[in-house]
Amino acid sequence: MELFFDTDIENTLTLNEQESRHCISVLRHKAGDKITVADGNGSYFTCMITNPHPKRCEVEIVSKETLKKRGYGIHIAIAPTKNIDRTEWFTEKVTEIGVEQITLLKCEHSERKKVRIDRLEKIVVAAAKQSLKAYKPVLTDLTVFKEFVQKERKGFIAHCNSSDLPHLKDIYSAGEDATVLIGPEGDFSPAEVEFALKNGFQEVSLGSARLRTETAGMVACTILNVLNE
């Protein structure tokens, strides 16, 4: 299925400029063609093109299908990597696999202090379209670690400061919401781990291998999805 994305399609009946260009200039759709548009909020719209303008393609909604949200939510809070390409790769892959929310963390050992959240949003949208997702993950810009932990008050913290930790798969219960903290290349500091534990988080391992930050985030997301199948 060919999928387009516009958060406000039901109100405007017009594709945004980027999607209009892709639909009309690239894919060469014409008036009368039917296309499927997702709003990222759980709904698919079957639309008929009425005005094939390459910057503001107008449509008529033929039908609407709304999908229920999953019975559980996966939230990966991760420190962006020094090489932003790796964070972009992570963002793309977990969107495809299935995630409800991604939060970028600013930690003691973080090497990257700024991100282009607009670019990451575009990657999320493209990945959601590619994997035919009706819901677009919520992407939250850089948040200070302690502020995030104090707000969440529950979840898992994956780190390498100890070799004797329970595996995520053994302590997560399917069907429950899960927030997993993934640290930067230098890992969480001992003080950050202690702070998380005092605020309701549980220490977990993601396996015996020492993983890169972006790989750890994807592995955590995959484990939670598999356990819910």
C-alpha atoms as a PDB file:
ATOM      1  CA  MET A   1       0.000   0.000   0.000  1.00  0.00           C
ATOM      2  CA  GLU A   2       1.184   3.481  -0.904  1.00  0.00           C
ATOM      3  CA  LEU A   3       0.797   5.710   2.137  1.00  0.00           C
ATOM      4  CA  PHE A   4       0.836   9.488   2.497  1.00  0.00           C
ATOM      5  CA  PHE A   5       0.976  11.385   5.781  1.00  0.00           C
ATOM      6  CA  ASP A   6      -0.772  14.540   6.920  1.00  0.00           C
ATOM      7  CA  THR A   7      -1.806  15.272  10.505  1.00  0.00           C
ATOM      8  CA  ASP A   8      -4.617  17.648   9.482  1.00  0.00           C
ATOM      9  CA  ILE A   9      -5.987  16.010   6.348  1.00  0.00           C
ATOM     10  CA  GLU A  10      -9.515  15.632   7.753  1.00  0.00           C
ATOM     11  CA  ASN A  11      -9.821  19.370   8.385  1.00  0.00           C
ATOM     12  CA  THR A  12      -7.955  20.853   5.428  1.00  0.00           C
ATOM     13  CA  LEU A  13      -8.712  18.224   2.740  1.00  0.00           C
ATOM     14  CA  THR A  14      -5.337  19.258   1.333  1.00  0.00           C
ATOM     15  CA  LEU A  15      -2.028  17.425   1.499  1.00  0.00           C
ATOM     16  CA  ASN A  16       0.867  19.402   2.946  1.00  0.00           C
ATOM     17  CA  GLU A  17       3.426  20.716   0.474  1.00  0.00           C
ATOM     18  CA  GLN A  18       5.916  17.886   0.914  1.00  0.00           C
ATOM     19  CA  GLU A  19       3.322  15.157   0.429  1.00  0.00           C
ATOM     20  CA  SER A  20       1.678  17.049  -2.435  1.00  0.00           C
ATOM     21  CA  ARG A  21       5.006  17.216  -4.254  1.00  0.00           C
ATOM     22  CA  HIS A  22       5.630  13.514  -3.721  1.00  0.00           C
ATOM     23  CA  CYS A  23       2.116  12.573  -4.782  1.00  0.00           C
ATOM     24  CA  ILE A  24       1.819  14.743  -7.892  1.00  0.00           C
ATOM     25  CA  SER A  25       5.342  15.569  -9.089  1.00  0.00           C
ATOM     26  CA  VAL A  26       7.061  12.293  -8.207  1.00  0.00           C
ATOM     27  CA  LEU A  27       4.349   9.615  -8.359  1.00  0.00           C
ATOM     28  CA  ARG A  28       2.371  11.439 -11.075  1.00  0.00           C
ATOM     29  CA  HIS A  29      -1.074  10.936  -9.537  1.00  0.00           C
ATOM     30  CA  LYS A  30      -3.930  12.662 -11.318  1.00  0.00           C
ATOM     31  CA  ALA A  31      -7.429  13.922 -10.553  1.00  0.00           C
ATOM     32  CA  GLY A  32      -9.710  10.997  -9.790  1.00  0.00           C
ATOM     33  CA  ASP A  33      -6.920   8.784  -8.408  1.00  0.00           C
ATOM     34  CA  LYS A  34      -7.495   7.294  -4.972  1.00  0.00           C
ATOM     35  CA  ILE A  35      -4.770   7.476  -2.343  1.00  0.00           C
ATOM     36  CA  THR A  36      -4.450   6.484   1.321  1.00  0.00           C
ATOM     37  CA  VAL A  37      -3.483   9.123   3.869  1.00  0.00           C
ATOM     38  CA  ALA A  38      -2.548   8.500   7.523  1.00  0.00           C
ATOM     39  CA  ASP A  39      -2.936  11.246  10.104  1.00  0.00           C
ATOM     40  CA  GLY A  40      -0.502   9.711  12.623  1.00  0.00           C
ATOM     41  CA  ASN A  41      -3.300   9.621  15.176  1.00  0.00           C
ATOM     42  CA  GLY A  42      -4.657   6.197  14.334  1.00  0.00           C
ATOM     43  CA  SER A  43      -6.730   6.880  11.223  1.00  0.00           C
ATOM     44  CA  TYR A  44      -6.366   5.909   7.565  1.00  0.00           C
ATOM     45  CA  PHE A  45      -8.285   7.970   5.000  1.00  0.00           C
ATOM     46  CA  THR A  46      -9.099   6.756   1.516  1.00  0.00           C
ATOM     47  CA  CYS A  47      -9.096   9.951  -0.532  1.00  0.00           C
ATOM     48  CA  MET A  48      -9.852  10.881  -4.153  1.00  0.00           C
ATOM     49  CA  ILE A  49      -7.720  13.597  -5.680  1.00  0.00           C
ATOM     50  CA  THR A  50      -9.832  16.550  -6.840  1.00  0.00           C
ATOM     51  CA  ASN A  51      -7.119  19.099  -7.606  1.00  0.00           C
ATOM     52  CA  PRO A  52      -3.677  17.612  -8.388  1.00  0.00           C
ATOM     53  CA  HIS A  53      -1.680  20.717  -7.481  1.00  0.00           C
ATOM     54  CA  PRO A  54       1.997  19.904  -6.821  1.00  0.00           C
ATOM     55  CA  LYS A  55       2.116  22.163  -3.737  1.00  0.00           C
ATOM     56  CA  ARG A  56      -1.405  21.813  -2.315  1.00  0.00           C
ATOM     57  CA  CYS A  57      -3.062  18.684  -3.608  1.00  0.00           C
ATOM     58  CA  GLU A  58      -6.775  18.810  -2.755  1.00  0.00           C
ATOM     59  CA  VAL A  59      -8.715  15.651  -1.976  1.00  0.00           C
ATOM     60  CA  GLU A  60     -12.153  14.365  -1.091  1.00  0.00           C
ATOM     61  CA  ILE A  61     -12.361  11.817   1.721  1.00  0.00           C
ATOM     62  CA  VAL A  62     -14.094   8.661   0.537  1.00  0.00           C
ATOM     63  CA  SER A  63     -13.777   6.587   3.725  1.00  0.00           C
ATOM     64  CA  LYS A  64     -12.073   6.560   7.115  1.00  0.00           C
ATOM     65  CA  GLU A  65     -10.729   3.670   9.174  1.00  0.00           C
ATOM     66  CA  THR A  66      -9.552   4.204  12.747  1.00  0.00           C
ATOM     67  CA  LEU A  67      -7.327   1.639  14.423  1.00  0.00           C
ATOM     68  CA  LYS A  68      -7.196   1.040  18.166  1.00  0.00           C
ATOM     69  CA  LYS A  69      -4.002   1.810  20.007  1.00  0.00           C
ATOM     70  CA  ARG A  70      -1.957  -1.089  21.268  1.00  0.00           C
ATOM     71  CA  GLY A  71      -2.791  -2.280  24.760  1.00  0.00           C
ATOM     72  CA  TYR A  72       0.659  -1.290  25.953  1.00  0.00           C
ATOM     73  CA  GLY A  73       3.050   1.572  25.316  1.00  0.00           C
ATOM     74  CA  ILE A  74       6.797   1.449  24.684  1.00  0.00           C
ATOM     75  CA  HIS A  75       8.838   4.520  25.558  1.00  0.00           C
ATOM     76  CA  ILE A  76      12.572   4.562  24.816  1.00  0.00           C
ATOM     77  CA  ALA A  77      14.461   7.419  26.472  1.00  0.00           C
ATOM     78  CA  ILE A  78      17.928   7.557  24.957  1.00  0.00           C
ATOM     79  CA  ALA A  79      20.960   9.817  24.954  1.00  0.00           C
ATOM     80  CA  PRO A  80      21.750  10.947  21.381  1.00  0.00           C
ATOM     81  CA  THR A  81      25.098   9.754  20.048  1.00  0.00           C
ATOM     82  CA  LYS A  82      28.049  11.958  19.133  1.00  0.00           C
ATOM     83  CA  ASN A  83      27.633  10.780  15.534  1.00  0.00           C
ATOM     84  CA  ILE A  84      24.047  11.874  14.908  1.00  0.00           C
ATOM     85  CA  ASP A  85      23.701   9.392  12.029  1.00  0.00           C
ATOM     86  CA  ARG A  86      23.489   6.619  14.611  1.00  0.00           C
ATOM     87  CA  THR A  87      20.657   8.333  16.474  1.00  0.00           C
ATOM     88  CA  GLU A  88      18.845   8.865  13.185  1.00  0.00           C
ATOM     89  CA  TRP A  89      19.277   5.159  12.387  1.00  0.00           C
ATOM     90  CA  PHE A  90      17.891   4.227  15.816  1.00  0.00           C
ATOM     91  CA  THR A  91      14.911   6.550  15.384  1.00  0.00           C
ATOM     92  CA  GLU A  92      14.062   5.065  12.010  1.00  0.00           C
ATOM     93  CA  LYS A  93      14.352   1.444  13.127  1.00  0.00           C
ATOM     94  CA  VAL A  94      12.365   1.652  16.364  1.00  0.00           C
ATOM     95  CA  THR A  95       9.600   3.505  14.521  1.00  0.00           C
ATOM     96  CA  GLU A  96       9.422   0.619  12.065  1.00  0.00           C
ATOM     97  CA  ILE A  97       9.551  -2.005  14.835  1.00  0.00           C
ATOM     98  CA  GLY A  98       6.935  -0.268  16.974  1.00  0.00           C
ATOM     99  CA  VAL A  99       7.325   2.411  19.636  1.00  0.00           C
ATOM    100  CA  GLU A 100       4.911   4.908  21.150  1.00  0.00           C
ATOM    101  CA  GLN A 101       7.392   7.506  22.351  1.00  0.00           C
ATOM    102  CA  ILE A 102      11.058   8.456  21.965  1.00  0.00           C
ATOM    103  CA  THR A 103      12.674  10.934  24.354  1.00  0.00           C
ATOM    104  CA  LEU A 104      16.196  12.241  23.927  1.00  0.00           C
ATOM    105  CA  LEU A 105      18.148  12.439  27.184  1.00  0.00           C
ATOM    106  CA  LYS A 106      20.862  14.842  28.298  1.00  0.00           C
ATOM    107  CA  CYS A 107      23.093  12.853  30.673  1.00  0.00           C
ATOM    108  CA  GLU A 108      26.311  13.496  32.604  1.00  0.00           C
ATOM    109  CA  HIS A 109      28.419  11.684  29.988  1.00  0.00           C
ATOM    110  CA  SER A 110      26.518  12.978  26.949  1.00  0.00           C
ATOM    111  CA  GLU A 111      28.788  14.214  24.174  1.00  0.00           C
ATOM    112  CA  ARG A 112      25.993  15.679  22.045  1.00  0.00           C
ATOM    113  CA  LYS A 113      24.196  18.649  23.546  1.00  0.00           C
ATOM    114  CA  LYS A 114      22.021  19.640  20.577  1.00  0.00           C
ATOM    115  CA  VAL A 115      19.935  17.806  17.983  1.00  0.00           C
ATOM    116  CA  ARG A 116      17.894  18.889  14.989  1.00  0.00           C
ATOM    117  CA  ILE A 117      14.541  17.690  16.203  1.00  0.00           C
ATOM    118  CA  ASP A 118      12.910  18.759  12.913  1.00  0.00           C
ATOM    119  CA  ARG A 119      15.146  16.365  10.986  1.00  0.00           C
ATOM    120  CA  LEU A 120      14.371  13.513  13.376  1.00  0.00           C
ATOM    121  CA  GLU A 121      10.650  14.247  12.976  1.00  0.00           C
ATOM    122  CA  LYS A 122      10.980  13.831   9.220  1.00  0.00           C
ATOM    123  CA  ILE A 123      12.752  10.504   9.756  1.00  0.00           C
ATOM    124  CA  VAL A 124       9.967   9.343  12.081  1.00  0.00           C
ATOM    125  CA  VAL A 125       7.306  10.279   9.524  1.00  0.00           C
ATOM    126  CA  ALA A 126       9.151   8.537   6.682  1.00  0.00           C
ATOM    127  CA  ALA A 127       9.625   5.390   8.774  1.00  0.00           C
ATOM    128  CA  ALA A 128       5.977   5.401   9.871  1.00  0.00           C
ATOM    129  CA  LYS A 129       4.919   5.624   6.222  1.00  0.00           C
ATOM    130  CA  GLN A 130       7.351   2.892   5.180  1.00  0.00           C
ATOM    131  CA  SER A 131       6.044   0.514   7.856  1.00  0.00           C
ATOM    132  CA  LEU A 132       2.393   1.534   7.290  1.00  0.00           C
ATOM    133  CA  LYS A 133       1.873   2.801  10.828  1.00  0.00           C
ATOM    134  CA  ALA A 134      -1.414   4.530  11.645  1.00  0.00           C
ATOM    135  CA  TYR A 135       0.121   6.047  14.772  1.00  0.00           C
ATOM    136  CA  LYS A 136       3.222   8.240  14.666  1.00  0.00           C
ATOM    137  CA  PRO A 137       5.521   7.986  17.709  1.00  0.00           C
ATOM    138  CA  VAL A 138       5.789  11.047  19.923  1.00  0.00           C
ATOM    139  CA  LEU A 139       9.309  12.500  19.703  1.00  0.00           C
ATOM    140  CA  THR A 140      10.493  14.640  22.623  1.00  0.00           C
ATOM    141  CA  ASP A 141      13.519  16.932  22.372  1.00  0.00           C
ATOM    142  CA  LEU A 142      16.513  16.824  24.718  1.00  0.00           C
ATOM    143  CA  THR A 143      15.418  16.452  28.336  1.00  0.00           C
ATOM    144  CA  VAL A 144      17.671  16.539  31.369  1.00  0.00           C
ATOM    145  CA  PHE A 145      18.038  13.017  32.791  1.00  0.00           C
ATOM    146  CA  LYS A 146      17.008  13.843  36.364  1.00  0.00           C
ATOM    147  CA  GLU A 147      13.979  15.838  35.240  1.00  0.00           C
ATOM    148  CA  PHE A 148      12.809  12.945  33.087  1.00  0.00           C
ATOM    149  CA  VAL A 149      13.318  10.332  35.813  1.00  0.00           C
ATOM    150  CA  GLN A 150      11.495  12.410  38.420  1.00  0.00           C
ATOM    151  CA  LYS A 151       8.565  12.829  36.047  1.00  0.00           C
ATOM    152  CA  GLU A 152       8.290   9.181  34.996  1.00  0.00           C
ATOM    153  CA  ARG A 153       8.933   7.523  38.374  1.00  0.00           C
ATOM    154  CA  LYS A 154       8.770   4.035  36.871  1.00  0.00           C
ATOM    155  CA  GLY A 155      10.606   1.993  34.270  1.00  0.00           C
ATOM    156  CA  PHE A 156      13.873   0.250  33.523  1.00  0.00           C
ATOM    157  CA  ILE A 157      17.431   1.537  33.310  1.00  0.00           C
ATOM    158  CA  ALA A 158      19.822  -0.491  31.147  1.00  0.00           C
ATOM    159  CA  HIS A 159      23.494   0.031  31.940  1.00  0.00           C
ATOM    160  CA  CYS A 160      26.885  -1.700  32.003  1.00  0.00           C
ATOM    161  CA  ASN A 161      28.041  -0.662  35.473  1.00  0.00           C
ATOM    162  CA  SER A 162      27.267  -4.119  36.838  1.00  0.00           C
ATOM    163  CA  SER A 163      27.557  -7.603  35.326  1.00  0.00           C
ATOM    164  CA  ASP A 164      24.936  -9.175  37.577  1.00  0.00           C
ATOM    165  CA  LEU A 165      21.639  -7.657  36.443  1.00  0.00           C
ATOM    166  CA  PRO A 166      18.335  -9.335  35.552  1.00  0.00           C
ATOM    167  CA  HIS A 167      17.553  -9.442  31.848  1.00  0.00           C
ATOM    168  CA  LEU A 168      14.792  -7.138  30.622  1.00  0.00           C
ATOM    169  CA  LYS A 169      12.907 -10.113  29.156  1.00  0.00           C
ATOM    170  CA  ASP A 170      12.748 -11.795  32.566  1.00  0.00           C
ATOM    171  CA  ILE A 171      11.225  -8.943  34.562  1.00  0.00           C
ATOM    172  CA  TYR A 172       8.966  -7.191  32.053  1.00  0.00           C
ATOM    173  CA  SER A 173       5.335  -8.341  32.051  1.00  0.00           C
ATOM    174  CA  ALA A 174       3.643  -8.390  28.651  1.00  0.00           C
ATOM    175  CA  GLY A 175       0.752  -5.979  28.265  1.00  0.00           C
ATOM    176  CA  GLU A 176       2.226  -3.335  30.543  1.00  0.00           C
ATOM    177  CA  ASP A 177       3.577   0.079  29.582  1.00  0.00           C
ATOM    178  CA  ALA A 178       7.370   0.195  29.652  1.00  0.00           C
ATOM    179  CA  THR A 179       9.894   3.020  29.742  1.00  0.00           C
ATOM    180  CA  VAL A 180      13.527   2.057  29.149  1.00  0.00           C
ATOM    181  CA  LEU A 181      16.458   4.395  29.769  1.00  0.00           C
ATOM    182  CA  ILE A 182      19.466   4.016  27.457  1.00  0.00           C
ATOM    183  CA  GLY A 183      22.630   5.961  28.268  1.00  0.00           C
ATOM    184  CA  PRO A 184      25.267   7.702  26.120  1.00  0.00           C
ATOM    185  CA  GLU A 185      28.482   6.172  24.772  1.00  0.00           C
ATOM    186  CA  GLY A 186      30.101   6.626  28.199  1.00  0.00           C
ATOM    187  CA  ASP A 187      27.079   4.969  29.863  1.00  0.00           C
ATOM    188  CA  PHE A 188      25.130   6.387  32.780  1.00  0.00           C
ATOM    189  CA  SER A 189      27.181   7.590  35.713  1.00  0.00           C
ATOM    190  CA  PRO A 190      26.885   5.626  38.994  1.00  0.00           C
ATOM    191  CA  ALA A 191      25.107   8.661  40.459  1.00  0.00           C
ATOM    192  CA  GLU A 192      22.521   8.609  37.650  1.00  0.00           C
ATOM    193  CA  VAL A 193      21.879   4.904  38.158  1.00  0.00           C
ATOM    194  CA  GLU A 194      21.419   5.451  41.887  1.00  0.00           C
ATOM    195  CA  PHE A 195      19.083   8.390  41.236  1.00  0.00           C
ATOM    196  CA  ALA A 196      16.954   6.282  38.876  1.00  0.00           C
ATOM    197  CA  LEU A 197      16.723   3.452  41.409  1.00  0.00           C
ATOM    198  CA  LYS A 198      15.596   5.873  44.115  1.00  0.00           C
ATOM    199  CA  ASN A 199      12.863   7.094  41.766  1.00  0.00           C
ATOM    200  CA  GLY A 200      11.248   3.752  41.011  1.00  0.00           C
ATOM    201  CA  PHE A 201      13.351   2.438  38.105  1.00  0.00           C
ATOM    202  CA  GLN A 202      14.735  -1.099  37.950  1.00  0.00           C
ATOM    203  CA  GLU A 203      18.210  -2.041  36.687  1.00  0.00           C
ATOM    204  CA  VAL A 204      18.231  -4.392  33.694  1.00  0.00           C
ATOM    205  CA  SER A 205      20.603  -6.072  31.299  1.00  0.00           C
ATOM    206  CA  LEU A 206      20.034  -6.375  27.549  1.00  0.00           C
ATOM    207  CA  GLY A 207      22.334  -9.384  27.222  1.00  0.00           C
ATOM    208  CA  SER A 208      25.972 -10.333  27.634  1.00  0.00           C
ATOM    209  CA  ALA A 209      27.288  -8.314  24.686  1.00  0.00           C
ATOM    210  CA  ARG A 210      28.378  -4.707  25.179  1.00  0.00           C
ATOM    211  CA  LEU A 211      26.145  -2.757  22.811  1.00  0.00           C
ATOM    212  CA  ARG A 212      26.435   0.642  21.204  1.00  0.00           C
ATOM    213  CA  THR A 213      23.882   3.169  22.416  1.00  0.00           C
ATOM    214  CA  GLU A 214      21.703   3.009  19.304  1.00  0.00           C
ATOM    215  CA  THR A 215      21.886  -0.801  19.192  1.00  0.00           C
ATOM    216  CA  ALA A 216      20.882  -1.051  22.851  1.00  0.00           C
ATOM    217  CA  GLY A 217      17.857   1.149  22.195  1.00  0.00           C
ATOM    218  CA  MET A 218      16.760  -0.979  19.271  1.00  0.00           C
ATOM    219  CA  VAL A 219      17.326  -4.235  21.190  1.00  0.00           C
ATOM    220  CA  ALA A 220      15.227  -2.994  24.126  1.00  0.00           C
ATOM    221  CA  CYS A 221      12.438  -1.982  21.768  1.00  0.00           C
ATOM    222  CA  THR A 222      12.575  -5.337  19.974  1.00  0.00           C
ATOM    223  CA  ILE A 223      12.503  -7.355  23.207  1.00  0.00           C
ATOM    224  CA  LEU A 224       9.388  -5.522  24.427  1.00  0.00           C
ATOM    225  CA  ASN A 225       7.605  -5.956  21.100  1.00  0.00           C
ATOM    226  CA  VAL A 226       8.431  -9.667  20.866  1.00  0.00           C
ATOM    227  CA  LEU A 227       7.219 -10.312  24.417  1.00  0.00           C
ATOM    228  CA  ASN A 228       3.896  -8.716  23.490  1.00  0.00           C
ATOM    229  CA  GLU A 229       3.305 -10.817  20.376  1.00  0.00           C
END
